[in-house]
Amino acid sequence: MNNTERRLAEGILFTDMYQLSMAQLYYRVGLHERAAQFDHFFRSYPNYNQHQAGYCINAGLEWLLDWMEGAHFDDEAVDCLRGETGRRGERLFAEDFLSWLQEHGTFAGLDLQAIPEGRVVHPNVPLTVVRGPLAMAQILETPLLNMLNYQTLIATKAARIKSAGQGRLLLEFGLRRAQGLGANAGGRAALIGGADFSSNVGISCALGFPPKGTHAHSMVQAFMALDGGELDAFEAYADVYPDDCLLLVDTIDTLESGLPNAIRVFERLRRQGHDPMGIRLDSGDLAYLSLQAAKMLDQAGFPDTIIVLSNQLDELVLLQIIEQIKREAPSEGLDADQIIGRLVYGVGTRLIVSEGDAALDGVYKLVAMEKEGSWAPAIKISETPAKTPNPGYKLVWRVYDDRGLATADLLGLSHEKPDESDHLHLRHPVEPSTQRMLEKEEISRIEPLLIDIMQEGRRLHSSPDIPQMRSLRDEDLDRLDEGVKRIINPHRYHVSLTHELWDLKQELIARYGRDLHSE
């Protein structure tokens, strides 16, 4: 693909055909510049079959904003659309519409509100709110979902793996197994969600992180094929990287060859005044091998070296490894906490592809249209009640209980002021009988979640860097009930509607001839 083709593929035409078809229809009937509001949210947490997340980590916004600032209908994009034809060979896009796109086809008229990257987010809560001319807001749907859903998915997976690993150092190793250049987005999201470093050199350098890695089995194999051996390979590696020597010890036999040879090299490095880093285990029973490796390294006088684990790790595997170490360490005369404390996790495939649930159920729904100077609510009524979105021009608040923990995310209409009320009436988005009252003394704080990000296509402030996003993530996780953070069978976090929004939703359902609760 040449540069022109790449610009076409990654520019303003990085959208679905039906977005452009609808945009031309809006132009034809005079609605293309009518102000509209779309909400981006996800319907349910990622479900990994044996375990479902209890929260997500928001990610991807900065890359969307970067794309929006540069995307426009240039000559190449318009010429491409000019050549599209229908079933009978007639042009699909009329010249007057294409001229309008060429003159007005940017995102300069759009306003965005969003929950910042790094924050904990929950289903049915608008993560991104887009307001502005209907045609361009519609065209934005596909790239927005593409960029925000995937990074949120991977950031969430990384946060769960970090939690399962008890906060130990986490390395993202997924570049070789990712879907094309999606590895860059996934690597960034992993760094936001929980990974400390990545093996992906390009994205690490672009984001200001040192890339991390060890060596491959092929290095040892190369020496063996040339009549050398594992020890020769290790010694050569140590000579080149004496202060960063981390050796992969399972090419031949971990306990009988790899570890003894690594210890011999470490002893030489120590005599030369260097501190070896440690070893990497990439196959076999990682819990058992971690115990035996720790014992051998301790006996050789290297209790501070790290043990990097890799090979199909995810949150459940880490839980099992840690539990096995805790059970078996005492019988080996070892301190389980000391061993767990020296572990580092290199997580590849199962993180970068979010194995178990490879897509976030994120959607982009029209919720309001400008009408006679005000906002008229819009609704899509689904036969599945949970898929009926919450209508209207809304705001989102996070409600903290008297312990200072997040107890609910509250959606309400834009004129409502829950922080000025003596109590809150929280309604379940779907179930009419599920509701609760919170008195003022039960609430320590009510925090608005959506902030103004973009006005008429211009950013209002610079994006936070990844350390700032991580700080937001950690603060939110600290304020989340422990039950919600469980890796398996987490407690359900409450997302609620104000009584006024609930009534509006039911009124619209009734007005358009559907009874939600009879379906």
Protein backbone atom coordinates (compact mmCIF):
# COMPACT_ATOMS: atom_id res chain seq x y z
CA MET A 1 0.00 0.00 0.00
CA ASN A 2 1.56 3.30 -1.10
CA ASN A 3 1.37 6.57 0.83
CA THR A 4 -1.72 7.82 -1.00
CA GLU A 5 -3.55 4.56 -0.37
CA ARG A 6 -2.52 4.63 3.30
CA ARG A 7 -3.86 8.19 3.69
CA LEU A 8 -7.16 7.09 2.19
CA ALA A 9 -7.39 4.06 4.47
CA GLU A 10 -6.44 5.88 7.66
CA GLY A 11 -7.94 9.33 7.05
CA ILE A 12 -11.54 10.56 6.97
CA LEU A 13 -12.64 7.43 5.06
CA PHE A 14 -11.74 5.31 8.09
CA THR A 15 -15.48 4.87 8.61
CA ASP A 16 -18.27 2.56 7.52
CA MET A 17 -20.13 3.05 4.26
CA TYR A 18 -23.49 3.42 5.95
CA GLN A 19 -22.25 6.49 7.83
CA LEU A 20 -21.66 8.25 4.51
CA SER A 21 -24.96 7.00 3.09
CA MET A 22 -26.81 8.48 6.07
CA ALA A 23 -24.82 11.70 5.85
CA GLN A 24 -25.96 12.20 2.25
CA LEU A 25 -29.55 11.52 3.25
CA TYR A 26 -29.29 14.12 6.05
CA TYR A 27 -27.89 16.56 3.49
CA ARG A 28 -30.69 15.85 1.05
CA VAL A 29 -33.47 16.44 3.60
CA GLY A 30 -31.80 19.43 5.21
CA LEU A 31 -30.81 17.84 8.53
CA HIS A 32 -27.06 17.67 7.97
CA GLU A 33 -26.30 20.78 10.01
CA ARG A 34 -28.96 20.22 12.67
CA ALA A 35 -27.32 19.78 16.07
CA ALA A 36 -27.45 16.26 17.48
CA GLN A 37 -26.09 14.47 20.53
CA PHE A 38 -24.63 10.98 20.47
CA ASP A 39 -23.57 9.04 23.57
CA HIS A 40 -20.79 6.47 23.48
CA PHE A 41 -21.07 3.81 26.19
CA PHE A 42 -20.63 0.07 26.62
CA ARG A 43 -23.50 -2.21 27.57
CA SER A 44 -21.71 -4.83 29.64
CA TYR A 45 -18.32 -5.60 31.14
CA PRO A 46 -16.01 -7.95 29.21
CA ASN A 47 -17.01 -11.53 29.94
CA TYR A 48 -14.15 -14.02 29.90
CA ASN A 49 -16.42 -17.09 30.16
CA GLN A 50 -15.17 -18.28 33.55
CA HIS A 51 -15.01 -14.76 34.95
CA GLN A 52 -16.45 -11.34 34.13
CA ALA A 53 -14.92 -7.97 34.88
CA GLY A 54 -16.51 -5.77 37.55
CA TYR A 55 -15.15 -2.51 36.13
CA CYS A 56 -13.39 -1.11 33.07
CA ILE A 57 -10.55 1.38 32.56
CA ASN A 58 -11.27 4.14 30.07
CA ALA A 59 -8.66 4.58 27.31
CA GLY A 60 -8.11 5.73 23.74
CA LEU A 61 -9.36 9.32 23.83
CA GLU A 62 -6.12 11.10 22.96
CA TRP A 63 -5.63 9.04 19.81
CA LEU A 64 -9.20 9.79 18.72
CA LEU A 65 -8.65 13.53 19.21
CA ASP A 66 -5.39 13.39 17.24
CA TRP A 67 -7.19 11.66 14.39
CA MET A 68 -10.11 14.09 14.42
CA GLU A 69 -7.82 17.10 14.16
CA GLY A 70 -6.23 15.82 10.97
CA ALA A 71 -9.18 14.10 9.26
CA HIS A 72 -10.94 15.94 6.43
CA PHE A 73 -12.43 15.27 3.00
CA ASP A 74 -9.52 16.14 0.70
CA ASP A 75 -9.37 15.68 -3.07
CA GLU A 76 -8.34 12.03 -2.84
CA ALA A 77 -11.17 11.13 -0.46
CA VAL A 78 -13.79 12.93 -2.54
CA ASP A 79 -12.50 11.37 -5.78
CA CYS A 80 -12.82 7.96 -4.16
CA LEU A 81 -16.44 8.61 -3.24
CA ARG A 82 -17.14 10.10 -6.66
CA GLY A 83 -16.33 6.73 -8.21
CA GLU A 84 -18.74 4.70 -6.04
CA THR A 85 -21.75 3.33 -7.89
CA GLY A 86 -24.96 1.51 -7.05
CA ARG A 87 -26.45 -1.71 -8.38
CA ARG A 88 -27.38 -0.16 -11.74
CA GLY A 89 -24.16 1.74 -12.19
CA GLU A 90 -25.45 5.14 -11.09
CA ARG A 91 -23.30 7.28 -8.83
CA LEU A 92 -24.05 6.81 -5.14
CA PHE A 93 -22.91 10.25 -4.06
CA ALA A 94 -24.18 13.35 -5.85
CA GLU A 95 -21.82 16.16 -6.78
CA ASP A 96 -23.50 18.76 -4.58
CA PHE A 97 -23.10 16.51 -1.53
CA LEU A 98 -19.45 15.86 -2.38
CA SER A 99 -18.87 19.61 -2.75
CA TRP A 100 -20.40 20.13 0.68
CA LEU A 101 -18.14 17.45 2.13
CA GLN A 102 -15.09 19.04 0.57
CA GLU A 103 -15.96 22.45 2.03
CA HIS A 104 -17.43 21.42 5.40
CA GLY A 105 -16.29 17.82 5.89
CA THR A 106 -14.21 18.23 9.05
CA PHE A 107 -14.97 17.78 12.73
CA ALA A 108 -14.52 21.49 13.43
CA GLY A 109 -18.17 21.88 14.40
CA LEU A 110 -18.23 19.19 17.06
CA ASP A 111 -18.10 19.51 20.84
CA LEU A 112 -16.94 16.58 22.96
CA GLN A 113 -17.33 15.78 26.61
CA ALA A 114 -15.65 12.68 28.01
CA ILE A 115 -14.59 10.82 31.10
CA PRO A 116 -10.79 11.15 31.20
CA GLU A 117 -8.54 8.26 30.24
CA GLY A 118 -7.41 6.09 33.10
CA ARG A 119 -10.62 6.43 35.09
CA VAL A 120 -12.73 3.48 36.19
CA VAL A 121 -15.94 3.30 34.13
CA HIS A 122 -19.09 1.19 34.12
CA PRO A 123 -21.82 -0.01 31.72
CA ASN A 124 -24.42 2.38 30.29
CA VAL A 125 -22.51 5.42 31.51
CA PRO A 126 -21.63 7.81 28.66
CA LEU A 127 -17.86 7.72 28.30
CA THR A 128 -17.92 10.17 25.41
CA VAL A 129 -20.63 12.65 24.44
CA VAL A 130 -20.57 14.16 20.94
CA ARG A 131 -22.64 17.21 20.05
CA GLY A 132 -22.76 19.09 16.78
CA PRO A 133 -23.91 18.92 13.15
CA LEU A 134 -25.68 15.63 12.54
CA ALA A 135 -23.86 14.56 9.38
CA MET A 136 -20.32 14.85 10.75
CA ALA A 137 -21.33 13.52 14.17
CA GLN A 138 -22.69 10.47 12.34
CA ILE A 139 -19.52 9.95 10.30
CA LEU A 140 -17.51 10.02 13.54
CA GLU A 141 -19.26 6.94 14.94
CA THR A 142 -17.08 4.24 13.41
CA PRO A 143 -13.62 5.68 14.13
CA LEU A 144 -14.69 6.66 17.64
CA LEU A 145 -15.87 3.15 18.45
CA ASN A 146 -12.81 1.62 16.82
CA MET A 147 -10.32 3.71 18.78
CA LEU A 148 -12.05 3.88 22.15
CA ASN A 149 -13.54 0.40 22.50
CA TYR A 150 -10.33 -1.51 21.82
CA GLN A 151 -8.08 0.55 24.06
CA THR A 152 -10.65 0.44 26.88
CA LEU A 153 -10.84 -3.35 26.48
CA ILE A 154 -7.06 -3.81 26.69
CA ALA A 155 -6.59 -1.30 29.52
CA THR A 156 -9.21 -3.24 31.49
CA LYS A 157 -7.50 -6.58 30.87
CA ALA A 158 -4.16 -5.10 31.93
CA ALA A 159 -5.66 -3.74 35.15
CA ARG A 160 -7.11 -7.14 36.02
CA ILE A 161 -3.81 -8.92 35.34
CA LYS A 162 -1.96 -6.36 37.44
CA SER A 163 -4.43 -6.94 40.27
CA ALA A 164 -4.20 -10.74 40.02
CA GLY A 165 -0.40 -10.46 40.12
CA GLN A 166 -0.61 -8.56 43.41
CA GLY A 167 0.83 -5.42 41.86
CA ARG A 168 4.11 -7.00 40.79
CA LEU A 169 5.96 -5.63 37.75
CA LEU A 170 3.97 -6.35 34.57
CA LEU A 171 5.53 -6.34 31.10
CA GLU A 172 3.42 -6.23 27.92
CA PHE A 173 4.88 -8.75 25.43
CA GLY A 174 2.13 -8.91 22.80
CA LEU A 175 3.56 -7.27 19.69
CA ARG A 176 4.23 -10.51 17.81
CA ARG A 177 0.73 -11.85 18.46
CA ALA A 178 -1.36 -8.72 17.94
CA GLN A 179 -3.52 -7.86 14.95
CA GLY A 180 -1.23 -5.72 12.80
CA LEU A 181 -0.66 -2.13 13.86
CA GLY A 182 -3.34 -2.60 16.49
CA ALA A 183 -0.39 -3.67 18.63
CA ASN A 184 0.48 0.00 19.09
CA ALA A 185 -2.96 0.91 20.38
CA GLY A 186 -2.98 -2.21 22.53
CA GLY A 187 0.47 -1.46 23.91
CA ARG A 188 -0.56 2.08 24.83
CA ALA A 189 -3.76 0.85 26.49
CA ALA A 190 -1.86 -1.79 28.44
CA LEU A 191 0.49 0.89 29.78
CA ILE A 192 -2.51 2.93 30.91
CA GLY A 193 -4.34 -0.02 32.47
CA GLY A 194 -1.65 -1.88 34.36
CA ALA A 195 1.49 -2.77 32.40
CA ASP A 196 4.61 -1.05 33.70
CA PHE A 197 6.58 -1.45 30.48
CA SER A 198 6.25 -2.94 26.99
CA SER A 199 8.56 -4.92 24.72
CA ASN A 200 7.20 -2.86 21.78
CA VAL A 201 10.13 -0.54 21.06
CA GLY A 202 8.26 1.89 18.84
CA ILE A 203 5.30 2.60 21.07
CA SER A 204 7.53 2.66 24.16
CA CYS A 205 9.80 5.30 22.65
CA ALA A 206 6.87 7.32 21.34
CA LEU A 207 5.30 7.40 24.79
CA GLY A 208 8.52 8.00 26.71
CA PHE A 209 8.96 4.57 28.28
CA PRO A 210 12.08 2.41 28.10
CA PRO A 211 11.26 -0.80 26.19
CA LYS A 212 11.90 -4.02 28.10
CA GLY A 213 12.80 -7.53 27.03
CA THR A 214 15.14 -10.48 27.46
CA HIS A 215 16.39 -12.79 24.72
CA ALA A 216 14.83 -15.62 22.74
CA HIS A 217 15.47 -19.34 22.64
CA SER A 218 16.93 -18.79 19.17
CA MET A 219 20.03 -17.15 20.68
CA VAL A 220 20.85 -20.33 22.57
CA GLN A 221 19.92 -22.47 19.58
CA ALA A 222 22.26 -20.49 17.34
CA PHE A 223 25.24 -21.22 19.60
CA MET A 224 24.27 -24.88 19.84
CA ALA A 225 23.97 -25.23 16.09
CA LEU A 226 27.52 -23.88 15.74
CA ASP A 227 28.92 -26.46 18.17
CA GLY A 228 28.76 -24.21 21.19
CA GLY A 229 26.28 -24.58 24.01
CA GLU A 230 23.87 -22.88 26.34
CA LEU A 231 26.68 -21.70 28.63
CA ASP A 232 28.48 -20.10 25.67
CA ALA A 233 25.31 -18.24 24.72
CA PHE A 234 24.75 -17.04 28.29
CA GLU A 235 28.35 -15.88 28.63
CA ALA A 236 28.18 -13.97 25.35
CA TYR A 237 24.97 -12.28 26.45
CA ALA A 238 26.50 -11.39 29.83
CA ASP A 239 29.55 -9.90 28.11
CA VAL A 240 27.37 -7.59 26.02
CA TYR A 241 24.90 -6.72 28.81
CA PRO A 242 26.77 -7.20 32.09
CA ASP A 243 24.51 -4.92 34.13
CA ASP A 244 21.26 -6.00 32.45
CA CYS A 245 21.79 -9.74 32.32
CA LEU A 246 18.47 -11.61 32.41
CA LEU A 247 18.72 -15.14 31.02
CA LEU A 248 16.04 -17.38 29.51
CA VAL A 249 16.79 -20.74 31.12
CA ASP A 250 14.37 -23.28 29.58
CA THR A 251 15.82 -23.93 26.10
CA ILE A 252 17.28 -27.32 27.12
CA ASP A 253 16.38 -28.28 30.70
CA THR A 254 15.46 -25.59 33.20
CA LEU A 255 16.69 -27.19 36.41
CA GLU A 256 19.47 -29.42 35.09
CA SER A 257 21.02 -27.06 32.55
CA GLY A 258 19.55 -23.58 32.31
CA LEU A 259 19.66 -22.57 35.96
CA PRO A 260 23.10 -24.07 36.74
CA ASN A 261 24.56 -22.35 33.69
CA ALA A 262 22.87 -19.06 34.58
CA ILE A 263 24.29 -19.26 38.11
CA ARG A 264 27.80 -19.86 36.74
CA VAL A 265 27.46 -16.74 34.59
CA PHE A 266 26.01 -14.74 37.50
CA GLU A 267 28.95 -15.75 39.70
CA ARG A 268 31.40 -14.50 37.07
CA LEU A 269 29.49 -11.22 36.73
CA ARG A 270 29.56 -10.74 40.49
CA ARG A 271 33.32 -11.31 40.59
CA GLN A 272 33.61 -8.61 37.93
CA GLY A 273 31.57 -6.16 40.01
CA HIS A 274 28.20 -6.50 38.27
CA ASP A 275 24.78 -7.38 39.68
CA PRO A 276 22.87 -9.91 37.52
CA MET A 277 19.19 -9.17 37.04
CA GLY A 278 17.69 -12.65 37.01
CA ILE A 279 16.12 -15.38 34.90
CA ARG A 280 13.08 -15.93 32.75
CA LEU A 281 10.87 -19.04 32.74
CA ASP A 282 8.80 -19.54 29.60
CA SER A 283 7.52 -23.13 29.82
CA GLY A 284 6.62 -25.92 32.21
CA ASP A 285 4.97 -25.69 35.61
CA LEU A 286 5.79 -22.05 36.30
CA ALA A 287 4.84 -22.19 39.99
CA TYR A 288 6.97 -25.27 40.70
CA LEU A 289 9.85 -23.95 38.63
CA SER A 290 9.66 -20.59 40.40
CA LEU A 291 10.04 -22.37 43.75
CA GLN A 292 12.99 -24.45 42.58
CA ALA A 293 14.63 -21.53 40.83
CA ALA A 294 14.28 -19.36 43.95
CA LYS A 295 15.84 -22.12 46.07
CA MET A 296 18.79 -22.57 43.71
CA LEU A 297 19.39 -18.86 43.32
CA ASP A 298 19.18 -18.31 47.07
CA GLN A 299 21.63 -21.12 47.76
CA ALA A 300 24.02 -19.61 45.23
CA GLY A 301 23.83 -16.24 46.96
CA PHE A 302 21.48 -14.44 44.56
CA PRO A 303 18.33 -13.79 46.66
CA ASP A 304 17.65 -10.44 45.00
CA THR A 305 17.50 -11.62 41.40
CA ILE A 306 14.10 -11.47 39.75
CA ILE A 307 12.19 -14.34 38.15
CA VAL A 308 10.30 -13.35 35.02
CA LEU A 309 7.37 -15.62 34.10
CA SER A 310 5.91 -15.73 30.61
CA ASN A 311 3.92 -18.19 28.44
CA GLN A 312 0.14 -17.69 28.08
CA LEU A 313 -0.36 -15.76 31.31
CA ASP A 314 -3.58 -14.00 32.23
CA GLU A 315 -5.38 -13.11 35.44
CA LEU A 316 -6.65 -16.63 36.19
CA VAL A 317 -3.28 -18.23 35.50
CA LEU A 318 -1.59 -15.75 37.83
CA LEU A 319 -4.10 -16.47 40.58
CA GLN A 320 -3.35 -20.19 40.21
CA ILE A 321 0.43 -19.70 40.17
CA ILE A 322 0.36 -17.55 43.30
CA GLU A 323 -1.95 -19.93 45.13
CA GLN A 324 0.28 -22.90 44.25
CA ILE A 325 3.38 -21.07 45.48
CA LYS A 326 1.64 -20.25 48.76
CA ARG A 327 0.67 -23.92 49.24
CA GLU A 328 4.00 -25.50 48.27
CA ALA A 329 6.60 -23.03 49.52
CA PRO A 330 6.47 -24.11 53.20
CA SER A 331 7.19 -27.74 52.32
CA GLU A 332 10.30 -26.55 50.44
CA GLY A 333 11.41 -24.47 53.41
CA LEU A 334 10.77 -21.29 51.44
CA ASP A 335 8.99 -18.00 52.18
CA ALA A 336 6.09 -17.73 49.75
CA ASP A 337 5.82 -13.96 50.09
CA GLN A 338 9.53 -13.56 49.36
CA ILE A 339 9.19 -15.61 46.17
CA ILE A 340 6.04 -13.81 45.01
CA GLY A 341 7.79 -10.53 45.72
CA ARG A 342 10.56 -11.27 43.22
CA LEU A 343 8.24 -12.36 40.37
CA VAL A 344 7.78 -10.30 37.21
CA TYR A 345 5.09 -11.14 34.67
CA GLY A 346 5.56 -10.98 30.91
CA VAL A 347 2.09 -11.18 29.41
CA GLY A 348 1.62 -11.43 25.66
CA THR A 349 -1.17 -13.01 23.63
CA ARG A 350 -3.88 -13.16 26.24
CA LEU A 351 -3.49 -9.49 27.03
CA ILE A 352 -3.07 -7.95 23.58
CA VAL A 353 -6.02 -9.87 22.09
CA SER A 354 -8.05 -9.85 25.33
CA GLU A 355 -8.47 -13.59 25.17
CA GLY A 356 -11.91 -14.67 26.39
CA ASP A 357 -13.75 -11.57 25.19
CA ALA A 358 -12.01 -9.94 22.26
CA ALA A 359 -14.34 -6.96 21.86
CA LEU A 360 -15.96 -4.39 24.10
CA ASP A 361 -19.72 -4.02 23.66
CA GLY A 362 -19.40 -0.30 23.06
CA VAL A 363 -22.07 1.55 21.10
CA TYR A 364 -22.75 5.08 19.82
CA LYS A 365 -26.38 6.10 20.07
CA LEU A 366 -28.34 9.20 19.09
CA VAL A 367 -29.97 10.50 22.28
CA ALA A 368 -31.08 14.04 21.44
CA MET A 369 -31.71 16.44 18.55
CA GLU A 370 -31.85 20.22 18.54
CA LYS A 371 -35.43 21.38 18.05
CA GLU A 372 -36.63 24.96 18.21
CA GLY A 373 -33.76 26.10 20.37
CA SER A 374 -33.83 23.23 22.85
CA TRP A 375 -32.85 19.57 22.97
CA ALA A 376 -35.53 17.01 22.04
CA PRO A 377 -34.76 13.55 23.48
CA ALA A 378 -34.36 10.63 21.08
CA ILE A 379 -34.68 6.95 21.89
CA LYS A 380 -34.23 3.56 20.27
CA ILE A 381 -36.60 0.99 21.77
CA SER A 382 -35.26 -2.53 21.85
CA GLU A 383 -37.06 -5.80 22.38
CA THR A 384 -34.28 -6.48 24.88
CA PRO A 385 -34.99 -3.89 27.61
CA ALA A 386 -31.36 -3.57 28.67
CA LYS A 387 -30.47 -2.42 25.13
CA THR A 388 -32.82 0.56 25.20
CA PRO A 389 -30.46 3.53 25.70
CA ASN A 390 -31.09 6.35 28.13
CA PRO A 391 -32.38 9.38 26.20
CA GLY A 392 -31.75 13.08 26.40
CA TYR A 393 -29.05 15.63 27.12
CA LYS A 394 -27.51 14.11 30.23
CA LEU A 395 -24.76 14.50 32.77
CA VAL A 396 -23.03 11.83 34.86
CA TRP A 397 -22.05 11.94 38.52
CA ARG A 398 -20.17 9.52 40.74
CA VAL A 399 -21.67 9.19 44.20
CA TYR A 400 -19.37 8.35 47.12
CA ASP A 401 -20.75 6.89 50.34
CA ASP A 402 -19.86 7.88 53.89
CA ARG A 403 -16.75 5.65 53.69
CA GLY A 404 -15.48 7.64 50.73
CA LEU A 405 -16.03 4.69 48.38
CA ALA A 406 -17.83 4.93 45.04
CA THR A 407 -21.32 3.52 45.53
CA ALA A 408 -23.06 4.46 42.26
CA ASP A 409 -22.70 6.28 38.95
CA LEU A 410 -25.78 8.45 38.44
CA LEU A 411 -27.17 9.57 35.08
CA GLY A 412 -29.50 12.56 35.05
CA LEU A 413 -30.76 15.31 32.79
CA SER A 414 -28.46 18.27 32.26
CA HIS A 415 -30.47 20.70 34.39
CA GLU A 416 -30.54 18.45 37.45
CA LYS A 417 -28.36 19.24 40.47
CA PRO A 418 -28.10 16.13 42.65
CA ASP A 419 -25.46 17.73 44.87
CA GLU A 420 -28.05 20.29 46.04
CA SER A 421 -30.64 17.71 47.07
CA ASP A 422 -31.30 16.47 50.60
CA HIS A 423 -31.46 12.91 49.27
CA LEU A 424 -30.96 10.94 46.08
CA HIS A 425 -33.58 8.69 44.52
CA LEU A 426 -31.63 6.14 42.45
CA ARG A 427 -33.51 4.11 39.84
CA HIS A 428 -32.25 1.00 38.07
CA PRO A 429 -32.02 1.73 34.31
CA VAL A 430 -34.39 -1.14 33.44
CA GLU A 431 -36.00 -2.74 36.50
CA PRO A 432 -38.87 -0.60 37.86
CA SER A 433 -38.89 -2.20 41.29
CA THR A 434 -35.14 -1.80 41.86
CA GLN A 435 -34.47 1.56 43.44
CA ARG A 436 -32.96 3.02 46.58
CA MET A 437 -32.79 6.24 48.53
CA LEU A 438 -29.56 7.80 49.78
CA GLU A 439 -29.86 10.43 52.46
CA LYS A 440 -27.48 13.37 52.53
CA GLU A 441 -25.59 12.05 55.55
CA GLU A 442 -24.89 8.80 53.69
CA ILE A 443 -23.07 10.69 50.92
CA SER A 444 -19.57 12.09 51.28
CA ARG A 445 -19.20 13.51 47.78
CA ILE A 446 -20.90 13.76 44.37
CA GLU A 447 -18.41 14.14 41.55
CA PRO A 448 -19.22 15.15 37.93
CA LEU A 449 -17.49 12.67 35.61
CA LEU A 450 -17.80 14.24 32.16
CA ILE A 451 -15.45 17.10 31.37
CA ASP A 452 -15.35 19.39 28.32
CA ILE A 453 -12.70 18.06 25.95
CA MET A 454 -13.30 19.73 22.60
CA GLN A 455 -15.28 22.77 21.49
CA GLU A 456 -16.00 23.33 17.80
CA GLY A 457 -13.25 20.91 16.92
CA ARG A 458 -10.58 22.54 19.11
CA ARG A 459 -9.08 20.89 22.18
CA LEU A 460 -9.71 22.85 25.34
CA HIS A 461 -6.60 21.59 27.14
CA SER A 462 -3.71 19.20 26.67
CA SER A 463 -4.25 15.52 27.28
CA PRO A 464 -2.88 13.98 30.48
CA ASP A 465 0.25 11.88 30.10
CA ILE A 466 0.28 8.20 30.99
CA PRO A 467 1.66 8.69 34.52
CA GLN A 468 -1.27 11.06 35.18
CA MET A 469 -3.71 8.50 33.72
CA ARG A 470 -2.21 5.83 35.96
CA SER A 471 -2.68 8.10 38.95
CA LEU A 472 -6.37 8.54 38.06
CA ARG A 473 -6.67 4.77 37.66
CA ASP A 474 -5.10 4.04 41.03
CA GLU A 475 -7.20 6.65 42.82
CA ASP A 476 -10.40 5.24 41.32
CA LEU A 477 -9.45 1.65 42.13
CA ASP A 478 -8.64 2.64 45.70
CA ARG A 479 -12.12 4.14 45.99
CA LEU A 480 -13.81 1.04 44.57
CA ASP A 481 -15.29 -1.55 46.91
CA GLU A 482 -13.09 -4.64 47.17
CA GLY A 483 -15.96 -6.86 46.08
CA VAL A 484 -16.27 -5.01 42.77
CA LYS A 485 -12.55 -5.58 42.08
CA ARG A 486 -12.72 -9.36 42.52
CA ILE A 487 -11.30 -11.25 39.55
CA ILE A 488 -14.01 -13.94 39.79
CA ASN A 489 -17.68 -13.20 40.52
CA PRO A 490 -17.27 -9.51 41.31
CA HIS A 491 -19.96 -7.62 43.18
CA ARG A 492 -22.21 -5.57 40.87
CA TYR A 493 -21.51 -1.86 40.83
CA HIS A 494 -24.64 0.29 40.69
CA VAL A 495 -25.35 2.48 37.68
CA SER A 496 -28.56 4.41 38.29
CA LEU A 497 -30.89 6.97 36.77
CA THR A 498 -32.39 9.96 38.49
CA HIS A 499 -36.12 9.71 39.00
CA GLU A 500 -36.65 12.44 36.39
CA LEU A 501 -34.60 10.62 33.73
CA TRP A 502 -36.37 7.36 34.52
CA ASP A 503 -39.74 9.06 33.99
CA LEU A 504 -38.60 10.58 30.69
CA LYS A 505 -37.42 7.19 29.44
CA GLN A 506 -40.74 5.54 30.30
CA GLU A 507 -42.69 8.39 28.73
CA LEU A 508 -40.82 8.02 25.45
CA ILE A 509 -41.27 4.26 25.44
CA ALA A 510 -45.00 4.69 25.95
CA ARG A 511 -45.22 7.47 23.36
CA TYR A 512 -43.70 5.31 20.66
CA GLY A 513 -46.03 2.44 21.29
CA ARG A 514 -43.91 0.04 23.29
CA ASP A 515 -44.30 -1.19 26.84
CA LEU A 516 -40.79 -2.09 27.94
CA HIS A 517 -41.94 -4.32 30.75
CA SER A 518 -44.32 -6.44 28.70
CA GLU A 519 -41.63 -7.63 26.30
